[in-house]
Amino acid sequence: QLQACGGGLVQAGGSLGLSCGASGRTFSTYTMSWFRQAPGKEREFVAAISRSGDITYYADSVKGRFTIARDNTRNTVYLQMNSLKPEDTAVYYCAARAAGVVYTSLQMYNYWGQGTQVTVSS
């Protein structure tokens, strides 16, 4: 089970950090990712991280502004978002898959958190 939190309202140019906690004792065997879905749009990939944290992927739209990280001792994955833009406004979801491959396609993830709202005002 995944529980995302940390969303909120922030002005453009500001920062926000999301976290996603997972239950269970096998967190370190899961590739973790963040996706987002804006109103009227499809859910899209944001960032992903390998089981050990040594491999990360980012969508081009967030590269250089967002950082994904994980702490396997705390069963938690993080998404630090800097230089936020109004177009980053969306519901952000964490997702997991028990795999050694870091996927960027949402169809490859079979566990999803409930989502947390991020709103960036201009």
C-alpha atoms as a PDB file:
ATOM      1  CA  GLN A   1       0.000   0.000   0.000  1.00  0.00           C
ATOM      2  CA  LEU A   2       1.291   3.433  -0.989  1.00  0.00           C
ATOM      3  CA  GLN A   3       0.482   6.693   0.744  1.00  0.00           C
ATOM      4  CA  ALA A   4       1.504   9.947  -0.921  1.00  0.00           C
ATOM      5  CA  CYS A   5       1.577  13.260   0.864  1.00  0.00           C
ATOM      6  CA  GLY A   6       3.129  16.696   0.729  1.00  0.00           C
ATOM      7  CA  GLY A   7       1.040  18.397  -1.918  1.00  0.00           C
ATOM      8  CA  GLY A   8      -0.275  21.912  -1.582  1.00  0.00           C
ATOM      9  CA  LEU A   9      -0.457  25.382  -3.053  1.00  0.00           C
ATOM     10  CA  VAL A  10       2.717  27.213  -4.026  1.00  0.00           C
ATOM     11  CA  GLN A  11       3.579  30.243  -6.120  1.00  0.00           C
ATOM     12  CA  ALA A  12       5.400  29.908  -9.415  1.00  0.00           C
ATOM     13  CA  GLY A  13       9.109  29.639  -8.826  1.00  0.00           C
ATOM     14  CA  GLY A  14       8.621  28.034  -5.460  1.00  0.00           C
ATOM     15  CA  SER A  15       9.436  24.572  -4.175  1.00  0.00           C
ATOM     16  CA  LEU A  16       7.494  21.664  -2.787  1.00  0.00           C
ATOM     17  CA  GLY A  17       8.463  18.213  -1.598  1.00  0.00           C
ATOM     18  CA  LEU A  18       6.347  15.102  -1.923  1.00  0.00           C
ATOM     19  CA  SER A  19       6.818  11.829  -0.133  1.00  0.00           C
ATOM     20  CA  CYS A  20       5.291   8.417  -0.586  1.00  0.00           C
ATOM     21  CA  GLY A  21       5.431   5.815   2.124  1.00  0.00           C
ATOM     22  CA  ALA A  22       4.996   2.129   1.487  1.00  0.00           C
ATOM     23  CA  SER A  23       3.896  -0.620   3.817  1.00  0.00           C
ATOM     24  CA  GLY A  24       5.540  -4.009   3.850  1.00  0.00           C
ATOM     25  CA  ARG A  25       9.054  -5.295   4.165  1.00  0.00           C
ATOM     26  CA  THR A  26       9.990  -5.566   0.505  1.00  0.00           C
ATOM     27  CA  PHE A  27      10.180  -1.893  -0.477  1.00  0.00           C
ATOM     28  CA  SER A  28      13.755  -2.253  -1.664  1.00  0.00           C
ATOM     29  CA  THR A  29      12.659  -4.747  -4.327  1.00  0.00           C
ATOM     30  CA  TYR A  30      10.368  -2.220  -6.015  1.00  0.00           C
ATOM     31  CA  THR A  31      11.113   0.258  -8.737  1.00  0.00           C
ATOM     32  CA  MET A  32       9.346   3.475  -7.737  1.00  0.00           C
ATOM     33  CA  SER A  33       8.008   6.325  -9.801  1.00  0.00           C
ATOM     34  CA  TRP A  34       5.962   9.481  -9.821  1.00  0.00           C
ATOM     35  CA  PHE A  35       3.271  10.310 -12.347  1.00  0.00           C
ATOM     36  CA  ARG A  36       0.930  13.256 -12.569  1.00  0.00           C
ATOM     37  CA  GLN A  37      -2.435  14.022 -14.061  1.00  0.00           C
ATOM     38  CA  ALA A  38      -3.688  17.498 -14.842  1.00  0.00           C
ATOM     39  CA  PRO A  39      -7.406  18.214 -15.320  1.00  0.00           C
ATOM     40  CA  GLY A  40      -8.581  16.980 -18.696  1.00  0.00           C
ATOM     41  CA  LYS A  41      -5.253  15.338 -19.496  1.00  0.00           C
ATOM     42  CA  GLU A  42      -3.868  11.840 -19.395  1.00  0.00           C
ATOM     43  CA  ARG A  43      -1.666  10.679 -16.587  1.00  0.00           C
ATOM     44  CA  GLU A  44       1.968  11.265 -17.501  1.00  0.00           C
ATOM     45  CA  PHE A  45       5.350  10.110 -16.326  1.00  0.00           C
ATOM     46  CA  VAL A  46       7.363  12.443 -14.110  1.00  0.00           C
ATOM     47  CA  ALA A  47      10.277  10.499 -12.607  1.00  0.00           C
ATOM     48  CA  ALA A  48      11.397   7.001 -11.705  1.00  0.00           C
ATOM     49  CA  ILE A  49      14.101   5.476  -9.552  1.00  0.00           C
ATOM     50  CA  SER A  50      15.673   2.046  -9.398  1.00  0.00           C
ATOM     51  CA  ARG A  51      15.503  -0.262  -6.412  1.00  0.00           C
ATOM     52  CA  SER A  52      18.855   0.848  -5.054  1.00  0.00           C
ATOM     53  CA  GLY A  53      18.427   4.461  -6.065  1.00  0.00           C
ATOM     54  CA  ASP A  54      21.409   4.550  -8.399  1.00  0.00           C
ATOM     55  CA  ILE A  55      19.390   4.980 -11.593  1.00  0.00           C
ATOM     56  CA  THR A  56      16.880   7.754 -12.181  1.00  0.00           C
ATOM     57  CA  TYR A  57      14.837   8.921 -15.138  1.00  0.00           C
ATOM     58  CA  TYR A  58      12.963  12.173 -15.624  1.00  0.00           C
ATOM     59  CA  ALA A  59      10.463  13.553 -18.048  1.00  0.00           C
ATOM     60  CA  ASP A  60      12.002  16.279 -20.171  1.00  0.00           C
ATOM     61  CA  SER A  61       9.502  18.771 -18.769  1.00  0.00           C
ATOM     62  CA  VAL A  62      10.863  18.400 -15.226  1.00  0.00           C
ATOM     63  CA  LYS A  63      14.519  17.578 -15.852  1.00  0.00           C
ATOM     64  CA  GLY A  64      16.784  19.891 -13.892  1.00  0.00           C
ATOM     65  CA  ARG A  65      13.942  21.050 -11.637  1.00  0.00           C
ATOM     66  CA  PHE A  66      12.688  17.860  -9.968  1.00  0.00           C
ATOM     67  CA  THR A  67      14.674  15.262  -8.052  1.00  0.00           C
ATOM     68  CA  ILE A  68      13.515  11.788  -7.142  1.00  0.00           C
ATOM     69  CA  ALA A  69      15.129   9.959  -4.251  1.00  0.00           C
ATOM     70  CA  ARG A  70      14.377   7.061  -1.966  1.00  0.00           C
ATOM     71  CA  ASP A  71      15.222   5.850   1.501  1.00  0.00           C
ATOM     72  CA  ASN A  72      14.845   2.102   1.701  1.00  0.00           C
ATOM     73  CA  THR A  73      15.303   2.157   5.477  1.00  0.00           C
ATOM     74  CA  ARG A  74      12.172   4.304   5.738  1.00  0.00           C
ATOM     75  CA  ASN A  75      10.208   2.645   2.894  1.00  0.00           C
ATOM     76  CA  THR A  76       9.784   6.078   1.350  1.00  0.00           C
ATOM     77  CA  VAL A  77      10.278   7.680  -2.037  1.00  0.00           C
ATOM     78  CA  TYR A  78      10.548  11.445  -2.415  1.00  0.00           C
ATOM     79  CA  LEU A  79      10.033  13.999  -5.139  1.00  0.00           C
ATOM     80  CA  GLN A  80      11.637  17.388  -4.593  1.00  0.00           C
ATOM     81  CA  MET A  81      10.152  19.954  -6.948  1.00  0.00           C
ATOM     82  CA  ASN A  82      11.921  23.267  -7.493  1.00  0.00           C
ATOM     83  CA  SER A  83      11.280  26.195  -9.827  1.00  0.00           C
ATOM     84  CA  LEU A  84       7.668  25.168 -10.072  1.00  0.00           C
ATOM     85  CA  LYS A  85       5.556  26.394 -12.959  1.00  0.00           C
ATOM     86  CA  PRO A  86       1.775  26.698 -13.328  1.00  0.00           C
ATOM     87  CA  GLU A  87       1.891  23.841 -15.829  1.00  0.00           C
ATOM     88  CA  ASP A  88       3.142  21.577 -13.033  1.00  0.00           C
ATOM     89  CA  THR A  89      -0.305  21.807 -11.471  1.00  0.00           C
ATOM     90  CA  ALA A  90      -1.697  18.263 -11.245  1.00  0.00           C
ATOM     91  CA  VAL A  91      -2.516  15.397  -8.971  1.00  0.00           C
ATOM     92  CA  TYR A  92       0.738  13.551  -8.324  1.00  0.00           C
ATOM     93  CA  TYR A  93       0.751   9.794  -7.891  1.00  0.00           C
ATOM     94  CA  CYS A  94       3.452   7.460  -6.707  1.00  0.00           C
ATOM     95  CA  ALA A  95       3.627   4.019  -8.242  1.00  0.00           C
ATOM     96  CA  ALA A  96       5.553   0.822  -7.680  1.00  0.00           C
ATOM     97  CA  ARG A  97       6.491  -2.334  -9.466  1.00  0.00           C
ATOM     98  CA  ALA A  98       8.507  -5.268  -8.228  1.00  0.00           C
ATOM     99  CA  ALA A  99      11.125  -5.200 -10.955  1.00  0.00           C
ATOM    100  CA  GLY A 100      14.761  -4.562 -11.625  1.00  0.00           C
ATOM    101  CA  VAL A 101      13.984  -2.477 -14.698  1.00  0.00           C
ATOM    102  CA  VAL A 102      13.151   1.205 -14.329  1.00  0.00           C
ATOM    103  CA  TYR A 103       9.995   1.736 -16.352  1.00  0.00           C
ATOM    104  CA  THR A 104       8.607   5.068 -17.488  1.00  0.00           C
ATOM    105  CA  SER A 105       5.308   3.748 -18.830  1.00  0.00           C
ATOM    106  CA  LEU A 106       2.364   3.835 -16.472  1.00  0.00           C
ATOM    107  CA  GLN A 107       1.068   0.512 -17.802  1.00  0.00           C
ATOM    108  CA  MET A 108       4.072  -1.205 -16.247  1.00  0.00           C
ATOM    109  CA  TYR A 109       3.203  -0.160 -12.692  1.00  0.00           C
ATOM    110  CA  ASN A 110       0.739  -2.230 -10.733  1.00  0.00           C
ATOM    111  CA  TYR A 111       0.654  -0.458  -7.381  1.00  0.00           C
ATOM    112  CA  TRP A 112      -0.552   3.122  -7.057  1.00  0.00           C
ATOM    113  CA  GLY A 113      -0.945   5.627  -4.287  1.00  0.00           C
ATOM    114  CA  GLN A 114      -4.063   7.745  -3.875  1.00  0.00           C
ATOM    115  CA  GLY A 115      -2.557  10.948  -5.293  1.00  0.00           C
ATOM    116  CA  THR A 116      -1.793  14.329  -3.807  1.00  0.00           C
ATOM    117  CA  GLN A 117      -2.772  17.680  -5.314  1.00  0.00           C
ATOM    118  CA  VAL A 118      -0.094  20.173  -6.322  1.00  0.00           C
ATOM    119  CA  THR A 119      -1.275  23.609  -7.389  1.00  0.00           C
ATOM    120  CA  VAL A 120       1.125  26.241  -8.698  1.00  0.00           C
ATOM    121  CA  SER A 121      -0.235  29.743  -8.943  1.00  0.00           C
ATOM    122  CA  SER A 122       1.108  32.305 -11.414  1.00  0.00           C
END
